[in-house]
């Protein structure tokens, strides 16, 4: 029997520490070889959850319909990352950029509740989850989900 020390709880997804300490074979290498699935909105869209992806080569964004709706843009409109980031309220933008840099540097995912101000002026709360996509031990993309959680902050009982 292999003794396993407790995993550090310094991050929400200690994937690399977990796979290096547990006798699961070379899971890290296997995950590095996995290609991302095709970009399709269902069934997440039915739950109001949008899927997003940012290619780190050029910071290009790929969003599903719920993300466009959350940000207040017409579906399919090309959105540049600087524009999307500018919609975050200042405290949320700072937190998002710091977590994004940490995720890229340390190959870690994160979840953050952030506020955005849409082009129409409406302020929304968004639950942002990000996962780094790694190729050859380098983060090449971030992807994840974005969900409108304004009701949790502003709704009845909030």
N, C-alpha and C. Protein backbone atom coordinates (compact mmCIF):
# COMPACT_ATOMS: atom_id res chain seq x y z
N UNK A 1 0.85 -1.18 0.00
CA UNK A 1 0.00 0.00 0.00
C UNK A 1 0.89 1.24 0.00
N UNK A 2 0.58 2.18 -0.87
CA UNK A 2 1.33 3.41 -0.98
C UNK A 2 0.71 4.45 -0.05
N UNK A 3 1.53 5.07 0.78
CA UNK A 3 1.04 6.14 1.65
C UNK A 3 0.92 7.41 0.84
N UNK A 4 -0.21 8.04 0.94
CA UNK A 4 -0.46 9.27 0.19
C UNK A 4 -0.60 10.40 1.19
N UNK A 5 0.22 11.42 1.05
CA UNK A 5 0.10 12.57 1.94
C UNK A 5 -1.10 13.40 1.53
N UNK A 6 -1.67 14.14 2.46
CA UNK A 6 -2.83 14.98 2.12
C UNK A 6 -2.45 15.98 1.03
N UNK A 7 -3.39 16.21 0.14
CA UNK A 7 -3.16 17.16 -0.94
C UNK A 7 -3.22 18.58 -0.40
N UNK A 8 -2.39 19.46 -0.91
CA UNK A 8 -2.49 20.86 -0.47
C UNK A 8 -3.79 21.46 -0.98
N UNK A 9 -4.41 22.27 -0.18
CA UNK A 9 -5.66 22.91 -0.57
C UNK A 9 -5.41 24.36 -0.95
N UNK A 10 -4.36 24.59 -1.71
CA UNK A 10 -4.02 25.94 -2.11
C UNK A 10 -4.75 26.35 -3.37
N UNK A 11 -5.44 25.42 -4.00
CA UNK A 11 -6.12 25.74 -5.24
C UNK A 11 -7.31 24.83 -5.40
N UNK A 12 -8.29 25.27 -6.17
CA UNK A 12 -9.51 24.49 -6.31
C UNK A 12 -9.31 23.21 -7.10
N UNK A 13 -8.30 23.16 -8.00
CA UNK A 13 -8.07 21.97 -8.81
C UNK A 13 -6.62 21.55 -8.73
N UNK A 14 -6.21 20.84 -7.69
CA UNK A 14 -4.79 20.44 -7.59
C UNK A 14 -4.50 19.22 -8.46
N UNK A 15 -4.79 19.32 -9.75
CA UNK A 15 -4.68 18.18 -10.65
C UNK A 15 -3.26 17.62 -10.71
N UNK A 16 -2.28 18.48 -10.90
CA UNK A 16 -0.93 17.97 -11.08
C UNK A 16 -0.39 17.38 -9.79
N UNK A 17 -0.62 18.02 -8.64
CA UNK A 17 -0.17 17.43 -7.38
C UNK A 17 -0.86 16.10 -7.14
N UNK A 18 -2.15 16.04 -7.42
CA UNK A 18 -2.90 14.82 -7.19
C UNK A 18 -2.36 13.69 -8.05
N UNK A 19 -2.13 13.95 -9.32
CA UNK A 19 -1.68 12.87 -10.20
C UNK A 19 -0.25 12.47 -9.92
N UNK A 20 0.56 13.37 -9.40
CA UNK A 20 1.93 13.01 -9.09
C UNK A 20 2.04 12.22 -7.79
N UNK A 21 1.10 12.36 -6.88
CA UNK A 21 1.18 11.68 -5.60
C UNK A 21 0.39 10.39 -5.56
N UNK A 22 -0.60 10.27 -6.40
CA UNK A 22 -1.43 9.08 -6.37
C UNK A 22 -0.92 8.06 -7.38
N UNK A 23 -1.06 6.77 -7.07
CA UNK A 23 -0.57 5.73 -7.98
C UNK A 23 -1.53 5.51 -9.15
N UNK A 24 -1.69 6.51 -10.00
CA UNK A 24 -2.63 6.44 -11.12
C UNK A 24 -1.94 6.37 -12.48
N UNK A 25 -0.67 6.05 -12.49
CA UNK A 25 0.05 6.00 -13.75
C UNK A 25 0.35 7.40 -14.24
N UNK A 26 0.57 7.52 -15.49
CA UNK A 26 0.96 8.81 -16.05
C UNK A 26 -0.25 9.57 -16.58
N UNK A 27 -1.15 9.90 -15.67
CA UNK A 27 -2.38 10.60 -16.05
C UNK A 27 -2.08 11.97 -16.64
N UNK A 28 -1.06 12.64 -16.14
CA UNK A 28 -0.72 13.97 -16.65
C UNK A 28 -0.42 13.89 -18.14
N UNK A 29 0.42 12.95 -18.55
CA UNK A 29 0.76 12.82 -19.97
C UNK A 29 -0.48 12.47 -20.78
N UNK A 30 -1.33 11.62 -20.24
CA UNK A 30 -2.55 11.26 -20.95
C UNK A 30 -3.45 12.47 -21.15
N UNK A 31 -3.56 13.31 -20.12
CA UNK A 31 -4.40 14.50 -20.26
C UNK A 31 -3.81 15.49 -21.25
N UNK A 32 -2.48 15.58 -21.31
CA UNK A 32 -1.84 16.49 -22.26
C UNK A 32 -2.14 16.11 -23.70
N UNK A 33 -2.39 14.81 -23.95
CA UNK A 33 -2.64 14.34 -25.32
C UNK A 33 -4.09 14.45 -25.74
N UNK A 34 -4.98 14.77 -24.82
CA UNK A 34 -6.40 14.84 -25.13
C UNK A 34 -6.68 16.10 -25.95
N UNK A 35 -7.38 15.94 -27.04
CA UNK A 35 -7.78 17.08 -27.86
C UNK A 35 -9.10 17.62 -27.33
N UNK A 36 -9.30 18.94 -27.38
CA UNK A 36 -10.56 19.49 -26.89
C UNK A 36 -11.72 18.99 -27.74
N UNK A 37 -12.89 18.81 -27.11
CA UNK A 37 -14.06 18.36 -27.86
C UNK A 37 -14.53 19.45 -28.82
N UNK A 38 -15.35 19.08 -29.78
CA UNK A 38 -15.90 20.12 -30.66
C UNK A 38 -16.66 21.14 -29.84
N UNK A 39 -16.72 22.36 -30.33
CA UNK A 39 -17.35 23.46 -29.61
C UNK A 39 -18.85 23.44 -29.88
N UNK A 40 -19.64 22.94 -28.94
CA UNK A 40 -21.08 22.92 -29.11
C UNK A 40 -21.76 23.34 -27.82
N UNK A 41 -22.89 24.05 -27.93
CA UNK A 41 -23.51 24.67 -26.77
C UNK A 41 -24.34 23.76 -25.88
N UNK A 42 -24.96 22.74 -26.41
CA UNK A 42 -25.86 21.92 -25.58
C UNK A 42 -25.06 20.83 -24.89
N UNK A 43 -25.41 20.40 -23.73
CA UNK A 43 -26.61 20.74 -22.96
C UNK A 43 -26.40 21.94 -22.04
N UNK A 44 -25.22 22.52 -22.00
CA UNK A 44 -24.96 23.63 -21.09
C UNK A 44 -25.87 24.82 -21.36
N UNK A 45 -26.11 25.12 -22.62
CA UNK A 45 -26.94 26.28 -22.97
C UNK A 45 -28.33 26.15 -22.36
N UNK A 46 -28.85 24.93 -22.30
CA UNK A 46 -30.17 24.71 -21.73
C UNK A 46 -30.20 25.06 -20.25
N UNK A 47 -29.03 25.04 -19.61
CA UNK A 47 -28.93 25.38 -18.19
C UNK A 47 -28.47 26.83 -18.00
N UNK A 48 -28.33 27.58 -19.09
CA UNK A 48 -27.90 28.97 -19.00
C UNK A 48 -26.41 29.13 -18.78
N UNK A 49 -25.66 28.09 -19.11
CA UNK A 49 -24.21 28.12 -18.95
C UNK A 49 -23.56 28.22 -20.32
N UNK A 50 -22.71 29.21 -20.50
CA UNK A 50 -22.01 29.38 -21.76
C UNK A 50 -20.60 28.82 -21.67
N UNK A 51 -20.10 28.39 -22.80
CA UNK A 51 -18.75 27.86 -22.89
C UNK A 51 -17.90 28.88 -23.64
N UNK A 52 -16.68 29.08 -23.18
CA UNK A 52 -15.78 30.04 -23.81
C UNK A 52 -14.40 29.42 -23.96
N UNK A 53 -13.63 30.02 -24.84
CA UNK A 53 -12.26 29.59 -25.06
C UNK A 53 -11.44 30.80 -25.50
N UNK A 54 -10.21 30.89 -24.99
CA UNK A 54 -9.28 31.95 -25.40
C UNK A 54 -7.99 31.29 -25.84
N UNK A 55 -7.63 31.48 -27.10
CA UNK A 55 -6.37 30.95 -27.63
C UNK A 55 -5.26 31.93 -27.23
N UNK A 56 -4.27 31.46 -26.51
CA UNK A 56 -3.24 32.35 -25.99
C UNK A 56 -2.25 32.81 -27.06
N UNK A 57 -2.24 32.17 -28.22
CA UNK A 57 -1.36 32.64 -29.31
C UNK A 57 -1.72 34.06 -29.73
N UNK A 58 -3.03 34.31 -29.85
CA UNK A 58 -3.48 35.60 -30.37
C UNK A 58 -4.60 36.22 -29.52
N UNK A 59 -4.92 35.59 -28.39
CA UNK A 59 -6.00 36.05 -27.50
C UNK A 59 -7.37 36.06 -28.17
N UNK A 60 -7.53 35.25 -29.22
CA UNK A 60 -8.84 35.18 -29.87
C UNK A 60 -9.82 34.44 -28.96
N UNK A 61 -11.07 34.89 -29.01
CA UNK A 61 -12.12 34.33 -28.17
C UNK A 61 -13.10 33.52 -28.99
N UNK A 62 -13.61 32.48 -28.40
CA UNK A 62 -14.66 31.67 -28.99
C UNK A 62 -15.71 31.49 -27.91
N UNK A 63 -16.93 31.96 -28.18
CA UNK A 63 -18.01 31.92 -27.19
C UNK A 63 -19.21 31.18 -27.76
N UNK A 64 -19.98 30.55 -26.85
CA UNK A 64 -21.27 30.01 -27.24
C UNK A 64 -22.34 31.07 -26.96
N UNK A 65 -23.56 30.80 -27.41
CA UNK A 65 -24.65 31.77 -27.33
C UNK A 65 -24.88 32.35 -25.92
N UNK A 66 -24.88 31.55 -24.86
CA UNK A 66 -25.14 32.14 -23.54
C UNK A 66 -24.08 33.17 -23.10
N UNK A 67 -22.85 33.04 -23.57
CA UNK A 67 -21.83 34.02 -23.21
C UNK A 67 -22.11 35.33 -23.95
N UNK A 68 -22.45 35.25 -25.24
CA UNK A 68 -22.82 36.46 -25.97
C UNK A 68 -23.99 37.15 -25.28
N UNK A 69 -24.99 36.37 -24.88
CA UNK A 69 -26.17 36.94 -24.21
C UNK A 69 -25.77 37.61 -22.90
N UNK A 70 -24.94 36.95 -22.10
CA UNK A 70 -24.50 37.50 -20.82
C UNK A 70 -23.80 38.83 -21.02
N UNK A 71 -22.92 38.93 -22.02
CA UNK A 71 -22.16 40.15 -22.26
C UNK A 71 -22.93 41.19 -23.07
N UNK A 72 -24.11 40.79 -23.60
CA UNK A 72 -24.94 41.74 -24.33
C UNK A 72 -24.51 42.01 -25.75
N UNK A 73 -23.88 41.04 -26.38
CA UNK A 73 -23.45 41.17 -27.78
C UNK A 73 -24.27 40.24 -28.66
N UNK A 74 -24.46 40.61 -29.93
CA UNK A 74 -25.15 39.69 -30.85
C UNK A 74 -24.32 38.42 -31.03
N UNK A 75 -25.01 37.30 -31.04
CA UNK A 75 -24.33 36.01 -31.20
C UNK A 75 -23.53 35.98 -32.49
N UNK A 76 -22.30 35.50 -32.39
CA UNK A 76 -21.44 35.35 -33.55
C UNK A 76 -20.58 36.57 -33.86
N UNK A 77 -20.86 37.71 -33.21
CA UNK A 77 -20.06 38.91 -33.45
C UNK A 77 -18.63 38.67 -32.97
N UNK A 78 -17.63 38.96 -33.80
CA UNK A 78 -16.25 38.78 -33.33
C UNK A 78 -15.97 39.76 -32.18
N UNK A 79 -15.49 39.21 -31.05
CA UNK A 79 -15.20 40.01 -29.87
C UNK A 79 -13.72 39.88 -29.57
N UNK A 80 -13.05 40.99 -29.44
CA UNK A 80 -11.63 40.99 -29.08
C UNK A 80 -11.52 40.91 -27.56
N UNK A 81 -10.50 40.23 -27.06
CA UNK A 81 -10.32 40.08 -25.62
C UNK A 81 -10.24 41.43 -24.89
N UNK A 82 -9.51 42.43 -25.42
CA UNK A 82 -9.48 43.72 -24.71
C UNK A 82 -10.87 44.33 -24.50
N UNK A 83 -11.76 44.17 -25.47
CA UNK A 83 -13.12 44.68 -25.31
C UNK A 83 -13.85 43.91 -24.21
N UNK A 84 -13.78 42.58 -24.26
CA UNK A 84 -14.45 41.77 -23.24
C UNK A 84 -13.91 42.11 -21.85
N UNK A 85 -12.60 42.20 -21.71
CA UNK A 85 -12.00 42.50 -20.40
C UNK A 85 -12.39 43.89 -19.91
N UNK A 86 -12.60 44.82 -20.83
CA UNK A 86 -12.95 46.19 -20.44
C UNK A 86 -14.34 46.27 -19.82
N UNK A 87 -15.16 45.25 -20.03
CA UNK A 87 -16.51 45.25 -19.49
C UNK A 87 -16.56 44.81 -18.03
N UNK A 88 -15.48 44.22 -17.54
CA UNK A 88 -15.42 43.84 -16.13
C UNK A 88 -15.32 45.11 -15.29
N UNK A 89 -16.06 45.18 -14.18
CA UNK A 89 -15.91 46.30 -13.27
C UNK A 89 -14.50 46.23 -12.67
N UNK A 90 -13.94 47.38 -12.27
CA UNK A 90 -12.51 47.42 -11.91
C UNK A 90 -12.04 46.34 -10.94
N UNK A 91 -12.71 46.14 -9.81
CA UNK A 91 -12.27 45.11 -8.86
C UNK A 91 -12.32 43.72 -9.48
N UNK A 92 -13.37 43.46 -10.25
CA UNK A 92 -13.50 42.16 -10.90
C UNK A 92 -12.44 41.97 -11.98
N UNK A 93 -12.12 43.04 -12.72
CA UNK A 93 -11.11 42.94 -13.76
C UNK A 93 -9.74 42.63 -13.15
N UNK A 94 -9.42 43.30 -12.05
CA UNK A 94 -8.14 43.05 -11.39
C UNK A 94 -8.06 41.60 -10.93
N UNK A 95 -9.11 41.12 -10.27
CA UNK A 95 -9.13 39.73 -9.79
C UNK A 95 -9.03 38.75 -10.95
N UNK A 96 -9.79 39.00 -12.03
CA UNK A 96 -9.77 38.10 -13.18
C UNK A 96 -8.39 38.05 -13.81
N UNK A 97 -7.76 39.21 -14.03
CA UNK A 97 -6.45 39.25 -14.67
C UNK A 97 -5.39 38.58 -13.81
N UNK A 98 -5.46 38.77 -12.48
CA UNK A 98 -4.49 38.12 -11.59
C UNK A 98 -4.67 36.60 -11.60
N UNK A 99 -5.92 36.14 -11.54
CA UNK A 99 -6.17 34.70 -11.58
C UNK A 99 -5.80 34.11 -12.93
N UNK A 100 -6.08 34.85 -14.00
CA UNK A 100 -5.72 34.39 -15.35
C UNK A 100 -4.21 34.21 -15.46
N UNK A 101 -3.44 35.20 -15.01
CA UNK A 101 -1.98 35.10 -15.06
C UNK A 101 -1.48 33.93 -14.23
N UNK A 102 -2.06 33.75 -13.05
CA UNK A 102 -1.67 32.64 -12.18
C UNK A 102 -1.99 31.30 -12.87
N UNK A 103 -3.18 31.21 -13.49
CA UNK A 103 -3.60 29.98 -14.17
C UNK A 103 -2.63 29.62 -15.29
N UNK A 104 -2.19 30.61 -16.03
CA UNK A 104 -1.26 30.36 -17.13
C UNK A 104 0.12 29.99 -16.58
N UNK A 105 0.59 30.72 -15.62
CA UNK A 105 1.93 30.49 -15.07
C UNK A 105 2.03 29.14 -14.36
N UNK A 106 0.99 28.78 -13.60
CA UNK A 106 1.05 27.57 -12.77
C UNK A 106 0.18 26.43 -13.29
N UNK A 107 -0.40 26.61 -14.46
CA UNK A 107 -1.24 25.58 -15.09
C UNK A 107 -2.36 25.15 -14.14
N UNK A 108 -3.12 26.12 -13.67
CA UNK A 108 -4.19 25.91 -12.70
C UNK A 108 -5.49 26.52 -13.19
N UNK A 109 -6.58 25.89 -12.84
CA UNK A 109 -7.88 26.45 -13.10
C UNK A 109 -8.33 27.33 -11.96
N UNK A 110 -9.41 28.05 -12.20
CA UNK A 110 -9.98 28.89 -11.14
C UNK A 110 -11.45 29.13 -11.40
N UNK A 111 -12.12 29.56 -10.36
CA UNK A 111 -13.52 30.00 -10.45
C UNK A 111 -13.61 31.34 -9.74
N UNK A 112 -14.33 32.26 -10.36
CA UNK A 112 -14.44 33.61 -9.83
C UNK A 112 -15.83 34.14 -10.13
N UNK A 113 -16.46 34.76 -9.13
CA UNK A 113 -17.68 35.52 -9.38
C UNK A 113 -17.24 36.95 -9.63
N UNK A 114 -17.62 37.48 -10.79
CA UNK A 114 -17.18 38.80 -11.22
C UNK A 114 -18.37 39.60 -11.73
N UNK A 115 -18.22 40.93 -11.68
CA UNK A 115 -19.25 41.82 -12.22
C UNK A 115 -18.79 42.39 -13.55
N UNK A 116 -19.75 42.46 -14.48
CA UNK A 116 -19.49 43.10 -15.77
C UNK A 116 -20.57 44.15 -16.00
N UNK A 117 -20.21 45.15 -16.79
CA UNK A 117 -21.18 46.15 -17.25
C UNK A 117 -21.29 45.99 -18.75
N UNK A 118 -22.47 45.54 -19.17
CA UNK A 118 -22.70 45.29 -20.60
C UNK A 118 -22.74 46.62 -21.36
N UNK A 119 -22.61 46.56 -22.68
CA UNK A 119 -22.66 47.80 -23.47
C UNK A 119 -23.96 48.59 -23.27
N UNK A 120 -25.06 47.91 -22.91
CA UNK A 120 -26.33 48.62 -22.67
C UNK A 120 -26.40 49.23 -21.27
N UNK A 121 -25.32 49.07 -20.47
CA UNK A 121 -25.26 49.66 -19.14
C UNK A 121 -25.71 48.72 -18.02
N UNK A 122 -26.32 47.61 -18.36
CA UNK A 122 -26.79 46.65 -17.36
C UNK A 122 -25.60 46.00 -16.67
N UNK A 123 -25.63 45.96 -15.34
CA UNK A 123 -24.56 45.32 -14.57
C UNK A 123 -25.01 43.90 -14.22
N UNK A 124 -24.15 42.94 -14.51
CA UNK A 124 -24.46 41.52 -14.28
C UNK A 124 -23.36 40.89 -13.43
N UNK A 125 -23.74 39.89 -12.63
CA UNK A 125 -22.78 39.04 -11.94
C UNK A 125 -22.60 37.79 -12.78
N UNK A 126 -21.37 37.37 -12.91
CA UNK A 126 -21.04 36.22 -13.74
C UNK A 126 -20.16 35.27 -12.94
N UNK A 127 -20.45 33.98 -13.01
CA UNK A 127 -19.57 32.96 -12.44
C UNK A 127 -18.68 32.47 -13.58
N UNK A 128 -17.41 32.77 -13.48
CA UNK A 128 -16.41 32.44 -14.49
C UNK A 128 -15.58 31.27 -13.99
N UNK A 129 -15.54 30.20 -14.75
CA UNK A 129 -14.66 29.07 -14.45
C UNK A 129 -13.69 28.94 -15.61
N UNK A 130 -12.42 28.76 -15.28
CA UNK A 130 -11.37 28.67 -16.31
C UNK A 130 -10.51 27.43 -16.07
N UNK A 131 -10.16 26.78 -17.15
CA UNK A 131 -9.32 25.59 -17.13
C UNK A 131 -8.22 25.79 -18.16
N UNK A 132 -6.96 25.60 -17.79
CA UNK A 132 -5.90 25.71 -18.79
C UNK A 132 -5.84 24.45 -19.66
N UNK A 133 -5.62 24.64 -20.94
CA UNK A 133 -5.41 23.53 -21.87
C UNK A 133 -3.92 23.50 -22.14
N UNK A 134 -3.32 22.35 -21.90
CA UNK A 134 -1.86 22.23 -21.92
C UNK A 134 -1.42 21.36 -23.08
N UNK A 135 -0.46 21.84 -23.83
CA UNK A 135 0.18 21.05 -24.88
C UNK A 135 1.68 21.11 -24.64
N UNK A 136 2.30 19.95 -24.49
CA UNK A 136 3.73 19.92 -24.27
C UNK A 136 4.16 20.69 -23.03
N UNK A 137 3.37 20.63 -21.99
CA UNK A 137 3.63 21.28 -20.71
C UNK A 137 3.50 22.81 -20.77
N UNK A 138 2.96 23.34 -21.86
CA UNK A 138 2.71 24.77 -22.00
C UNK A 138 1.20 25.01 -22.09
N UNK A 139 0.73 26.03 -21.41
CA UNK A 139 -0.68 26.40 -21.53
C UNK A 139 -0.85 27.11 -22.87
N UNK A 140 -1.72 26.57 -23.70
CA UNK A 140 -1.95 27.16 -25.03
C UNK A 140 -3.32 27.82 -25.14
N UNK A 141 -4.26 27.40 -24.28
CA UNK A 141 -5.60 27.98 -24.29
C UNK A 141 -6.13 27.97 -22.87
N UNK A 142 -7.05 28.87 -22.63
CA UNK A 142 -7.89 28.79 -21.44
C UNK A 142 -9.30 28.55 -21.95
N UNK A 143 -10.04 27.73 -21.25
CA UNK A 143 -11.43 27.50 -21.63
C UNK A 143 -12.23 27.28 -20.36
N UNK A 144 -13.52 27.30 -20.49
CA UNK A 144 -14.34 27.09 -19.32
C UNK A 144 -15.77 27.51 -19.55
N UNK A 145 -16.40 27.94 -18.46
CA UNK A 145 -17.80 28.32 -18.51
C UNK A 145 -18.00 29.72 -17.94
N UNK A 146 -19.08 30.34 -18.39
CA UNK A 146 -19.53 31.62 -17.84
C UNK A 146 -21.03 31.50 -17.66
N UNK A 147 -21.48 31.88 -16.46
CA UNK A 147 -22.89 31.74 -16.14
C UNK A 147 -23.37 33.01 -15.46
N UNK A 148 -24.52 33.49 -15.88
CA UNK A 148 -25.13 34.67 -15.26
C UNK A 148 -25.68 34.24 -13.90
N UNK A 149 -25.12 34.81 -12.83
CA UNK A 149 -25.57 34.49 -11.46
C UNK A 149 -26.07 35.74 -10.76
N UNK A 150 -26.50 36.72 -11.53
CA UNK A 150 -26.99 37.99 -10.98
C UNK A 150 -28.09 37.73 -9.96
N UNK A 151 -28.97 36.79 -10.23
CA UNK A 151 -30.09 36.48 -9.34
C UNK A 151 -29.60 36.08 -7.95
N UNK A 152 -28.43 35.43 -7.88
CA UNK A 152 -27.89 35.02 -6.58
C UNK A 152 -27.48 36.22 -5.74
N UNK A 153 -27.12 37.31 -6.40
CA UNK A 153 -26.67 38.51 -5.70
C UNK A 153 -27.77 39.55 -5.51
N UNK A 154 -28.64 39.66 -6.53
CA UNK A 154 -29.64 40.73 -6.52
C UNK A 154 -31.07 40.25 -6.33
N UNK A 155 -31.27 38.93 -6.38
CA UNK A 155 -32.62 38.41 -6.37
C UNK A 155 -33.23 38.30 -4.98
N UNK A 156 -34.43 37.73 -4.91
CA UNK A 156 -35.11 37.57 -3.63
C UNK A 156 -34.25 36.75 -2.66
N UNK A 157 -34.17 37.21 -1.46
CA UNK A 157 -33.41 36.51 -0.44
C UNK A 157 -31.92 36.75 -0.49
N UNK A 158 -31.47 37.56 -1.45
CA UNK A 158 -30.03 37.81 -1.58
C UNK A 158 -29.56 38.81 -0.55
